[in-house]
Amino acid sequence: MRNATGIVEVFGLVAAFCACDAGCKAADVTVEHFDKNKPANADSMPVPLIVAIKFRGTVPNVEAAVAAAAEAAEKVSGVVSTHIMTSTEEDTEKMLKLNAFDKN
């Protein structure tokens, strides 16, 4: 059985850590590597960096983690988007391991 995946994109690294902490405390989930994106319009954003937090677990646990993470991030700098995939395909699993934090 495949795990569900929940992704929460937030503005900034501080919000990402707060969101991750809240999501992990709210449910029995694991976390993939954070990912980052600095969009072309970064200067017009509340914080010029978007960070994605990826939770893994059962559907109910991922739903609870995403909800708690989004609530925590809203208190810091805001949420860009959230999404839950109830059964992640094998090729998508490979992509979830990628991240840009170790890239120059």
PDB file of N, CA and C in Angstrom:
ATOM      1  N   MET A   1       0.840  -1.190   0.000  1.00  0.00           N
ATOM      2  CA  MET A   1       0.000   0.000   0.000  1.00  0.00           C
ATOM      3  C   MET A   1       0.878   1.244   0.000  1.00  0.00           C
ATOM      4  N   ARG A   2       0.567   2.167  -0.854  1.00  0.00           N
ATOM      5  CA  ARG A   2       1.333   3.405  -0.958  1.00  0.00           C
ATOM      6  C   ARG A   2       0.900   4.407   0.100  1.00  0.00           C
ATOM      7  N   ASN A   3       1.868   5.209   0.517  1.00  0.00           N
ATOM      8  CA  ASN A   3       1.571   6.293   1.445  1.00  0.00           C
ATOM      9  C   ASN A   3       0.906   7.444   0.713  1.00  0.00           C
ATOM     10  N   ALA A   4       0.148   8.216   1.465  1.00  0.00           N
ATOM     11  CA  ALA A   4      -0.351   9.489   0.965  1.00  0.00           C
ATOM     12  C   ALA A   4       0.774  10.502   1.104  1.00  0.00           C
ATOM     13  N   THR A   5       0.690  11.565   0.314  1.00  0.00           N
ATOM     14  CA  THR A   5       1.662  12.646   0.378  1.00  0.00           C
ATOM     15  C   THR A   5       0.910  13.958   0.481  1.00  0.00           C
ATOM     16  N   GLY A   6       1.316  14.775   1.418  1.00  0.00           N
ATOM     17  CA  GLY A   6       0.761  16.118   1.547  1.00  0.00           C
ATOM     18  C   GLY A   6       1.856  17.139   1.368  1.00  0.00           C
ATOM     19  N   ILE A   7       1.588  18.147   0.570  1.00  0.00           N
ATOM     20  CA  ILE A   7       2.582  19.195   0.327  1.00  0.00           C
ATOM     21  C   ILE A   7       1.998  20.531   0.767  1.00  0.00           C
ATOM     22  N   VAL A   8       2.784  21.261   1.532  1.00  0.00           N
ATOM     23  CA  VAL A   8       2.408  22.595   1.977  1.00  0.00           C
ATOM     24  C   VAL A   8       3.512  23.542   1.526  1.00  0.00           C
ATOM     25  N   GLU A   9       3.166  24.510   0.688  1.00  0.00           N
ATOM     26  CA  GLU A   9       4.125  25.532   0.264  1.00  0.00           C
ATOM     27  C   GLU A   9       3.888  26.783   1.091  1.00  0.00           C
ATOM     28  N   VAL A  10       4.980  27.301   1.646  1.00  0.00           N
ATOM     29  CA  VAL A  10       4.876  28.457   2.527  1.00  0.00           C
ATOM     30  C   VAL A  10       5.881  29.523   2.116  1.00  0.00           C
ATOM     31  N   PHE A  11       5.678  30.739   2.622  1.00  0.00           N
ATOM     32  CA  PHE A  11       6.611  31.835   2.390  1.00  0.00           C
ATOM     33  C   PHE A  11       7.711  31.797   3.449  1.00  0.00           C
ATOM     34  N   GLY A  12       8.924  31.413   3.074  1.00  0.00           N
ATOM     35  CA  GLY A  12      10.079  31.513   3.957  1.00  0.00           C
ATOM     36  C   GLY A  12      10.413  30.272   4.754  1.00  0.00           C
ATOM     37  N   LEU A  13      11.676  30.222   5.156  1.00  0.00           N
ATOM     38  CA  LEU A  13      12.191  29.067   5.883  1.00  0.00           C
ATOM     39  C   LEU A  13      11.677  28.997   7.319  1.00  0.00           C
ATOM     40  N   VAL A  14      11.507  30.129   7.975  1.00  0.00           N
ATOM     41  CA  VAL A  14      10.983  30.119   9.345  1.00  0.00           C
ATOM     42  C   VAL A  14       9.574  29.529   9.358  1.00  0.00           C
ATOM     43  N   ALA A  15       8.741  29.955   8.435  1.00  0.00           N
ATOM     44  CA  ALA A  15       7.384  29.399   8.348  1.00  0.00           C
ATOM     45  C   ALA A  15       7.432  27.913   8.046  1.00  0.00           C
ATOM     46  N   ALA A  16       8.402  27.485   7.226  1.00  0.00           N
ATOM     47  CA  ALA A  16       8.529  26.066   6.900  1.00  0.00           C
ATOM     48  C   ALA A  16       8.849  25.237   8.136  1.00  0.00           C
ATOM     49  N   PHE A  17       9.779  25.715   8.966  1.00  0.00           N
ATOM     50  CA  PHE A  17      10.107  24.971  10.182  1.00  0.00           C
ATOM     51  C   PHE A  17       8.932  24.946  11.156  1.00  0.00           C
ATOM     52  N   CYS A  18       8.237  26.067  11.285  1.00  0.00           N
ATOM     53  CA  CYS A  18       7.055  26.101  12.162  1.00  0.00           C
ATOM     54  C   CYS A  18       5.965  25.167  11.650  1.00  0.00           C
ATOM     55  N   ALA A  19       5.742  25.169  10.338  1.00  0.00           N
ATOM     56  CA  ALA A  19       4.730  24.307   9.727  1.00  0.00           C
ATOM     57  C   ALA A  19       5.097  22.839   9.889  1.00  0.00           C
ATOM     58  N   CYS A  20       6.348  22.518   9.652  1.00  0.00           N
ATOM     59  CA  CYS A  20       6.811  21.135   9.786  1.00  0.00           C
ATOM     60  C   CYS A  20       6.633  20.641  11.219  1.00  0.00           C
ATOM     61  N   ASP A  21       7.029  21.453  12.168  1.00  0.00           N
ATOM     62  CA  ASP A  21       6.898  21.092  13.578  1.00  0.00           C
ATOM     63  C   ASP A  21       5.435  20.853  13.947  1.00  0.00           C
ATOM     64  N   ALA A  22       4.564  21.751  13.530  1.00  0.00           N
ATOM     65  CA  ALA A  22       3.137  21.616  13.844  1.00  0.00           C
ATOM     66  C   ALA A  22       2.539  20.370  13.194  1.00  0.00           C
ATOM     67  N   GLY A  23       2.898  20.118  11.930  1.00  0.00           N
ATOM     68  CA  GLY A  23       2.378  18.950  11.230  1.00  0.00           C
ATOM     69  C   GLY A  23       2.820  17.649  11.868  1.00  0.00           C
ATOM     70  N   CYS A  24       4.083  17.588  12.273  1.00  0.00           N
ATOM     71  CA  CYS A  24       4.609  16.372  12.909  1.00  0.00           C
ATOM     72  C   CYS A  24       4.019  16.141  14.297  1.00  0.00           C
ATOM     73  N   LYS A  25       3.707  17.224  14.998  1.00  0.00           N
ATOM     74  CA  LYS A  25       3.083  17.092  16.316  1.00  0.00           C
ATOM     75  C   LYS A  25       1.615  16.706  16.211  1.00  0.00           C
ATOM     76  N   ALA A  26       0.969  17.061  15.101  1.00  0.00           N
ATOM     77  CA  ALA A  26      -0.466  16.814  14.943  1.00  0.00           C
ATOM     78  C   ALA A  26      -0.783  15.399  14.486  1.00  0.00           C
ATOM     79  N   ALA A  27       0.174  14.722  13.863  1.00  0.00           N
ATOM     80  CA  ALA A  27      -0.141  13.420  13.263  1.00  0.00           C
ATOM     81  C   ALA A  27       1.113  12.565  13.140  1.00  0.00           C
ATOM     82  N   ASP A  28       0.887  11.286  12.939  1.00  0.00           N
ATOM     83  CA  ASP A  28       1.966  10.314  12.766  1.00  0.00           C
ATOM     84  C   ASP A  28       2.383  10.326  11.297  1.00  0.00           C
ATOM     85  N   VAL A  29       3.318  11.222  10.962  1.00  0.00           N
ATOM     86  CA  VAL A  29       3.792  11.377   9.590  1.00  0.00           C
ATOM     87  C   VAL A  29       5.314  11.417   9.573  1.00  0.00           C
ATOM     88  N   THR A  30       5.870  11.209   8.399  1.00  0.00           N
ATOM     89  CA  THR A  30       7.290  11.457   8.177  1.00  0.00           C
ATOM     90  C   THR A  30       7.398  12.638   7.227  1.00  0.00           C
ATOM     91  N   VAL A  31       8.589  13.200   7.150  1.00  0.00           N
ATOM     92  CA  VAL A  31       8.799  14.377   6.318  1.00  0.00           C
ATOM     93  C   VAL A  31       9.910  14.091   5.318  1.00  0.00           C
ATOM     94  N   GLU A  32       9.660  14.406   4.053  1.00  0.00           N
ATOM     95  CA  GLU A  32      10.704  14.348   3.028  1.00  0.00           C
ATOM     96  C   GLU A  32      11.530  15.626   3.145  1.00  0.00           C
ATOM     97  N   HIS A  33      12.592  15.720   2.372  1.00  0.00           N
ATOM     98  CA  HIS A  33      13.407  16.938   2.373  1.00  0.00           C
ATOM     99  C   HIS A  33      12.553  18.145   1.993  1.00  0.00           C
ATOM    100  N   PHE A  34      12.831  19.291   2.631  1.00  0.00           N
ATOM    101  CA  PHE A  34      12.208  20.538   2.197  1.00  0.00           C
ATOM    102  C   PHE A  34      12.695  20.837   0.775  1.00  0.00           C
ATOM    103  N   ASP A  35      11.931  21.604   0.049  1.00  0.00           N
ATOM    104  CA  ASP A  35      12.367  22.088  -1.259  1.00  0.00           C
ATOM    105  C   ASP A  35      12.140  23.584  -1.304  1.00  0.00           C
ATOM    106  N   LYS A  36      12.915  24.282  -2.127  1.00  0.00           N
ATOM    107  CA  LYS A  36      12.803  25.737  -2.183  1.00  0.00           C
ATOM    108  C   LYS A  36      12.627  26.196  -3.619  1.00  0.00           C
ATOM    109  N   ASN A  37      12.057  27.375  -3.739  1.00  0.00           N
ATOM    110  CA  ASN A  37      11.865  28.001  -5.036  1.00  0.00           C
ATOM    111  C   ASN A  37      11.900  29.509  -4.823  1.00  0.00           C
ATOM    112  N   LYS A  38      12.703  30.180  -5.612  1.00  0.00           N
ATOM    113  CA  LYS A  38      12.722  31.639  -5.585  1.00  0.00           C
ATOM    114  C   LYS A  38      12.158  32.103  -6.921  1.00  0.00           C
ATOM    115  N   PRO A  39      10.884  32.461  -6.948  1.00  0.00           N
ATOM    116  CA  PRO A  39      10.245  32.834  -8.207  1.00  0.00           C
ATOM    117  C   PRO A  39      10.779  34.154  -8.769  1.00  0.00           C
ATOM    118  N   ALA A  40      10.513  34.365 -10.035  1.00  0.00           N
ATOM    119  CA  ALA A  40      10.967  35.581 -10.712  1.00  0.00           C
ATOM    120  C   ALA A  40      10.413  36.847 -10.066  1.00  0.00           C
ATOM    121  N   ASN A  41       9.211  36.772  -9.521  1.00  0.00           N
ATOM    122  CA  ASN A  41       8.583  37.933  -8.884  1.00  0.00           C
ATOM    123  C   ASN A  41       8.843  37.972  -7.378  1.00  0.00           C
ATOM    124  N   ALA A  42       9.962  37.427  -6.931  1.00  0.00           N
ATOM    125  CA  ALA A  42      10.257  37.293  -5.501  1.00  0.00           C
ATOM    126  C   ALA A  42      10.186  38.620  -4.750  1.00  0.00           C
ATOM    127  N   ASP A  43      10.593  39.690  -5.381  1.00  0.00           N
ATOM    128  CA  ASP A  43      10.606  40.987  -4.690  1.00  0.00           C
ATOM    129  C   ASP A  43       9.212  41.498  -4.361  1.00  0.00           C
ATOM    130  N   SER A  44       8.199  40.996  -5.039  1.00  0.00           N
ATOM    131  CA  SER A  44       6.833  41.439  -4.762  1.00  0.00           C
ATOM    132  C   SER A  44       6.116  40.534  -3.759  1.00  0.00           C
ATOM    133  N   MET A  45       6.808  39.525  -3.257  1.00  0.00           N
ATOM    134  CA  MET A  45       6.197  38.563  -2.333  1.00  0.00           C
ATOM    135  C   MET A  45       6.453  38.963  -0.890  1.00  0.00           C
ATOM    136  N   PRO A  46       5.615  38.453   0.042  1.00  0.00           N
ATOM    137  CA  PRO A  46       5.823  38.768   1.463  1.00  0.00           C
ATOM    138  C   PRO A  46       7.208  38.347   1.952  1.00  0.00           C
ATOM    139  N   VAL A  47       7.676  37.210   1.500  1.00  0.00           N
ATOM    140  CA  VAL A  47       9.023  36.708   1.776  1.00  0.00           C
ATOM    141  C   VAL A  47       9.513  36.154   0.442  1.00  0.00           C
ATOM    142  N   PRO A  48      10.743  36.492   0.006  1.00  0.00           N
ATOM    143  CA  PRO A  48      11.164  36.137  -1.357  1.00  0.00           C
ATOM    144  C   PRO A  48      11.613  34.696  -1.562  1.00  0.00           C
ATOM    145  N   LEU A  49      11.077  33.780  -0.778  1.00  0.00           N
ATOM    146  CA  LEU A  49      11.428  32.374  -0.922  1.00  0.00           C
ATOM    147  C   LEU A  49      10.197  31.531  -0.616  1.00  0.00           C
ATOM    148  N   ILE A  50       9.923  30.567  -1.472  1.00  0.00           N
ATOM    149  CA  ILE A  50       8.837  29.617  -1.228  1.00  0.00           C
ATOM    150  C   ILE A  50       9.473  28.288  -0.845  1.00  0.00           C
ATOM    151  N   VAL A  51       8.992  27.693   0.234  1.00  0.00           N
ATOM    152  CA  VAL A  51       9.508  26.408   0.705  1.00  0.00           C
ATOM    153  C   VAL A  51       8.357  25.409   0.746  1.00  0.00           C
ATOM    154  N   ALA A  52       8.618  24.209   0.226  1.00  0.00           N
ATOM    155  CA  ALA A  52       7.625  23.132   0.237  1.00  0.00           C
ATOM    156  C   ALA A  52       7.992  22.117   1.311  1.00  0.00           C
ATOM    157  N   ILE A  53       7.013  21.785   2.156  1.00  0.00           N
ATOM    158  CA  ILE A  53       7.153  20.743   3.163  1.00  0.00           C
ATOM    159  C   ILE A  53       6.336  19.554   2.666  1.00  0.00           C
ATOM    160  N   LYS A  54       6.934  18.361   2.670  1.00  0.00           N
ATOM    161  CA  LYS A  54       6.269  17.175   2.131  1.00  0.00           C
ATOM    162  C   LYS A  54       6.070  16.146   3.244  1.00  0.00           C
ATOM    163  N   PHE A  55       4.820  15.923   3.623  1.00  0.00           N
ATOM    164  CA  PHE A  55       4.470  14.954   4.662  1.00  0.00           C
ATOM    165  C   PHE A  55       4.083  13.632   4.018  1.00  0.00           C
ATOM    166  N   ARG A  56       4.425  12.521   4.679  1.00  0.00           N
ATOM    167  CA  ARG A  56       4.081  11.180   4.204  1.00  0.00           C
ATOM    168  C   ARG A  56       3.404  10.400   5.323  1.00  0.00           C
ATOM    169  N   GLY A  57       2.411   9.595   4.977  1.00  0.00           N
ATOM    170  CA  GLY A  57       1.719   8.763   5.956  1.00  0.00           C
ATOM    171  C   GLY A  57       0.370   8.316   5.430  1.00  0.00           C
ATOM    172  N   THR A  58      -0.486   7.875   6.317  1.00  0.00           N
ATOM    173  CA  THR A  58      -1.838   7.491   5.918  1.00  0.00           C
ATOM    174  C   THR A  58      -2.615   8.745   5.540  1.00  0.00           C
ATOM    175  N   VAL A  59      -3.686   8.555   4.801  1.00  0.00           N
ATOM    176  CA  VAL A  59      -4.489   9.712   4.367  1.00  0.00           C
ATOM    177  C   VAL A  59      -4.962  10.543   5.562  1.00  0.00           C
ATOM    178  N   PRO A  60      -5.580   9.949   6.592  1.00  0.00           N
ATOM    179  CA  PRO A  60      -6.032  10.787   7.718  1.00  0.00           C
ATOM    180  C   PRO A  60      -4.879  11.519   8.414  1.00  0.00           C
ATOM    181  N   ASN A  61      -3.733  10.855   8.570  1.00  0.00           N
ATOM    182  CA  ASN A  61      -2.602  11.515   9.216  1.00  0.00           C
ATOM    183  C   ASN A  61      -2.039  12.646   8.362  1.00  0.00           C
ATOM    184  N   VAL A  62      -1.940  12.430   7.068  1.00  0.00           N
ATOM    185  CA  VAL A  62      -1.442  13.484   6.181  1.00  0.00           C
ATOM    186  C   VAL A  62      -2.417  14.666   6.167  1.00  0.00           C
ATOM    187  N   GLU A  63      -3.704  14.392   6.130  1.00  0.00           N
ATOM    188  CA  GLU A  63      -4.696  15.476   6.173  1.00  0.00           C
ATOM    189  C   GLU A  63      -4.546  16.301   7.442  1.00  0.00           C
ATOM    190  N   ALA A  64      -4.370  15.633   8.585  1.00  0.00           N
ATOM    191  CA  ALA A  64      -4.206  16.345   9.860  1.00  0.00           C
ATOM    192  C   ALA A  64      -2.908  17.149   9.873  1.00  0.00           C
ATOM    193  N   ALA A  65      -1.834  16.571   9.348  1.00  0.00           N
ATOM    194  CA  ALA A  65      -0.545  17.263   9.320  1.00  0.00           C
ATOM    195  C   ALA A  65      -0.599  18.496   8.430  1.00  0.00           C
ATOM    196  N   VAL A  66      -1.197  18.369   7.259  1.00  0.00           N
ATOM    197  CA  VAL A  66      -1.293  19.500   6.329  1.00  0.00           C
ATOM    198  C   VAL A  66      -2.131  20.618   6.946  1.00  0.00           C
ATOM    199  N   ALA A  67      -3.232  20.273   7.573  1.00  0.00           N
ATOM    200  CA  ALA A  67      -4.084  21.289   8.201  1.00  0.00           C
ATOM    201  C   ALA A  67      -3.335  22.029   9.310  1.00  0.00           C
ATOM    202  N   ALA A  68      -2.647  21.282  10.164  1.00  0.00           N
ATOM    203  CA  ALA A  68      -1.894  21.907  11.257  1.00  0.00           C
ATOM    204  C   ALA A  68      -0.741  22.744  10.720  1.00  0.00           C
ATOM    205  N   ALA A  69      -0.065  22.249   9.699  1.00  0.00           N
ATOM    206  CA  ALA A  69       1.060  22.978   9.107  1.00  0.00           C
ATOM    207  C   ALA A  69       0.596  24.288   8.485  1.00  0.00           C
ATOM    208  N   ALA A  70      -0.497  24.240   7.751  1.00  0.00           N
ATOM    209  CA  ALA A  70      -1.020  25.449   7.115  1.00  0.00           C
ATOM    210  C   ALA A  70      -1.431  26.483   8.165  1.00  0.00           C
ATOM    211  N   GLU A  71      -2.066  26.026   9.218  1.00  0.00           N
ATOM    212  CA  GLU A  71      -2.473  26.947  10.290  1.00  0.00           C
ATOM    213  C   GLU A  71      -1.250  27.611  10.925  1.00  0.00           C
ATOM    214  N   ALA A  72      -0.205  26.835  11.177  1.00  0.00           N
ATOM    215  CA  ALA A  72       1.009  27.389  11.792  1.00  0.00           C
ATOM    216  C   ALA A  72       1.704  28.369  10.857  1.00  0.00           C
ATOM    217  N   ALA A  73       1.789  28.035   9.570  1.00  0.00           N
ATOM    218  CA  ALA A  73       2.470  28.912   8.613  1.00  0.00           C
ATOM    219  C   ALA A  73       1.726  30.226   8.420  1.00  0.00           C
ATOM    220  N   GLU A  74       0.404  30.186   8.467  1.00  0.00           N
ATOM    221  CA  GLU A  74      -0.385  31.417   8.330  1.00  0.00           C
ATOM    222  C   GLU A  74      -0.044  32.410   9.436  1.00  0.00           C
ATOM    223  N   LYS A  75       0.332  31.920  10.605  1.00  0.00           N
ATOM    224  CA  LYS A  75       0.675  32.798  11.726  1.00  0.00           C
ATOM    225  C   LYS A  75       2.047  33.445  11.553  1.00  0.00           C
ATOM    226  N   VAL A  76       2.869  32.889  10.666  1.00  0.00           N
ATOM    227  CA  VAL A  76       4.227  33.412  10.473  1.00  0.00           C
ATOM    228  C   VAL A  76       4.285  34.326   9.248  1.00  0.00           C
ATOM    229  N   SER A  77       4.119  33.749   8.065  1.00  0.00           N
ATOM    230  CA  SER A  77       4.229  34.568   6.859  1.00  0.00           C
ATOM    231  C   SER A  77       3.251  34.185   5.759  1.00  0.00           C
ATOM    232  N   GLY A  78       2.579  33.074   5.909  1.00  0.00           N
ATOM    233  CA  GLY A  78       1.543  32.710   4.956  1.00  0.00           C
ATOM    234  C   GLY A  78       1.790  31.434   4.186  1.00  0.00           C
ATOM    235  N   VAL A  79       0.706  30.948   3.579  1.00  0.00           N
ATOM    236  CA  VAL A  79       0.708  29.707   2.808  1.00  0.00           C
ATOM    237  C   VAL A  79       0.497  30.046   1.337  1.00  0.00           C
ATOM    238  N   VAL A  80       1.286  29.442   0.482  1.00  0.00           N
ATOM    239  CA  VAL A  80       1.123  29.611  -0.953  1.00  0.00           C
ATOM    240  C   VAL A  80       0.067  28.635  -1.452  1.00  0.00           C
ATOM    241  N   SER A  81       0.228  27.350  -1.105  1.00  0.00           N
ATOM    242  CA  SER A  81      -0.734  26.333  -1.529  1.00  0.00           C
ATOM    243  C   SER A  81      -0.562  25.063  -0.707  1.00  0.00           C
ATOM    244  N   THR A  82      -1.591  24.217  -0.750  1.00  0.00           N
ATOM    245  CA  THR A  82      -1.530  22.895  -0.135  1.00  0.00           C
ATOM    246  C   THR A  82      -2.126  21.894  -1.113  1.00  0.00           C
ATOM    247  N   HIS A  83      -1.675  20.655  -1.012  1.00  0.00           N
ATOM    248  CA  HIS A  83      -2.244  19.603  -1.849  1.00  0.00           C
ATOM    249  C   HIS A  83      -1.976  18.253  -1.198  1.00  0.00           C
ATOM    250  N   ILE A  84      -2.948  17.342  -1.323  1.00  0.00           N
ATOM    251  CA  ILE A  84      -2.802  15.982  -0.805  1.00  0.00           C
ATOM    252  C   ILE A  84      -3.003  14.993  -1.945  1.00  0.00           C
ATOM    253  N   MET A  85      -2.041  14.090  -2.097  1.00  0.00           N
ATOM    254  CA  MET A  85      -2.151  12.976  -3.043  1.00  0.00           C
ATOM    255  C   MET A  85      -2.399  11.726  -2.204  1.00  0.00           C
ATOM    256  N   THR A  86      -3.520  11.082  -2.420  1.00  0.00           N
ATOM    257  CA  THR A  86      -3.892   9.958  -1.553  1.00  0.00           C
ATOM    258  C   THR A  86      -3.104   8.685  -1.811  1.00  0.00           C
ATOM    259  N   SER A  87      -2.570   8.521  -3.003  1.00  0.00           N
ATOM    260  CA  SER A  87      -1.775   7.341  -3.339  1.00  0.00           C
ATOM    261  C   SER A  87      -0.751   7.751  -4.380  1.00  0.00           C
ATOM    262  N   THR A  88       0.472   7.943  -3.949  1.00  0.00           N
ATOM    263  CA  THR A  88       1.509   8.488  -4.810  1.00  0.00           C
ATOM    264  C   THR A  88       2.102   7.399  -5.712  1.00  0.00           C
ATOM    265  N   GLU A  89       2.180   7.681  -6.996  1.00  0.00           N
ATOM    266  CA  GLU A  89       2.739   6.739  -7.972  1.00  0.00           C
ATOM    267  C   GLU A  89       4.255   6.592  -7.796  1.00  0.00           C
ATOM    268  N   GLU A  90       4.790   5.487  -8.278  1.00  0.00           N
ATOM    269  CA  GLU A  90       6.212   5.169  -8.108  1.00  0.00           C
ATOM    270  C   GLU A  90       7.126   6.253  -8.688  1.00  0.00           C
ATOM    271  N   ASP A  91       6.820   6.750  -9.871  1.00  0.00           N
ATOM    272  CA  ASP A  91       7.657   7.800 -10.463  1.00  0.00           C
ATOM    273  C   ASP A  91       7.585   9.101  -9.675  1.00  0.00           C
ATOM    274  N   THR A  92       6.425   9.382  -9.117  1.00  0.00           N
ATOM    275  CA  THR A  92       6.284  10.576  -8.278  1.00  0.00           C
ATOM    276  C   THR A  92       7.088  10.412  -7.000  1.00  0.00           C
ATOM    277  N   GLU A  93       7.141   9.196  -6.483  1.00  0.00           N
ATOM    278  CA  GLU A  93       7.942   8.916  -5.283  1.00  0.00           C
ATOM    279  C   GLU A  93       9.388   9.364  -5.487  1.00  0.00           C
ATOM    280  N   LYS A  94       9.947   9.087  -6.659  1.00  0.00           N
ATOM    281  CA  LYS A  94      11.327   9.489  -6.957  1.00  0.00           C
ATOM    282  C   LYS A  94      11.468  11.003  -6.928  1.00  0.00           C
ATOM    283  N   MET A  95      10.501  11.695  -7.462  1.00  0.00           N
ATOM    284  CA  MET A  95      10.559  13.155  -7.524  1.00  0.00           C
ATOM    285  C   MET A  95      10.457  13.784  -6.135  1.00  0.00           C
ATOM    286  N   LEU A  96       9.765  13.125  -5.224  1.00  0.00           N
ATOM    287  CA  LEU A  96       9.613  13.670  -3.874  1.00  0.00           C
ATOM    288  C   LEU A  96      10.945  13.728  -3.127  1.00  0.00           C
ATOM    289  N   LYS A  97      11.899  12.937  -3.546  1.00  0.00           N
ATOM    290  CA  LYS A  97      13.216  12.911  -2.896  1.00  0.00           C
ATOM    291  C   LYS A  97      14.094  14.084  -3.332  1.00  0.00           C
ATOM    292  N   LEU A  98      13.736  14.737  -4.441  1.00  0.00           N
ATOM    293  CA  LEU A  98      14.540  15.846  -4.949  1.00  0.00           C
ATOM    294  C   LEU A  98      14.350  17.095  -4.104  1.00  0.00           C
ATOM    295  N   ASN A  99      15.409  17.889  -4.006  1.00  0.00           N
ATOM    296  CA  ASN A  99      15.288  19.185  -3.337  1.00  0.00           C
ATOM    297  C   ASN A  99      16.357  20.116  -3.864  1.00  0.00           C
ATOM    298  N   ALA A 100      16.137  21.391  -3.714  1.00  0.00           N
ATOM    299  CA  ALA A 100      17.070  22.401  -4.230  1.00  0.00           C
ATOM    300  C   ALA A 100      17.923  23.028  -3.141  1.00  0.00           C
ATOM    301  N   PHE A 101      17.791  22.594  -1.910  1.00  0.00           N
ATOM    302  CA  PHE A 101      18.580  23.217  -0.854  1.00  0.00           C
ATOM    303  C   PHE A 101      20.054  22.886  -0.952  1.00  0.00           C
ATOM    304  N   ASP A 102      20.404  21.770  -1.586  1.00  0.00           N
ATOM    305  CA  ASP A 102      21.812  21.422  -1.694  1.00  0.00           C
ATOM    306  C   ASP A 102      22.413  21.863  -3.034  1.00  0.00           C
ATOM    307  N   LYS A 103      21.677  22.688  -3.767  1.00  0.00           N
ATOM    308  CA  LYS A 103      22.146  23.199  -5.060  1.00  0.00           C
ATOM    309  C   LYS A 103      22.605  24.641  -4.892  1.00  0.00           C
ATOM    310  N   ASN A 104      23.554  25.039  -5.683  1.00  0.00           N
ATOM    311  CA  ASN A 104      24.004  26.445  -5.656  1.00  0.00           C
ATOM    312  C   ASN A 104      23.128  27.304  -6.526  1.00  0.00           C
TER     313      ASN A 104
END
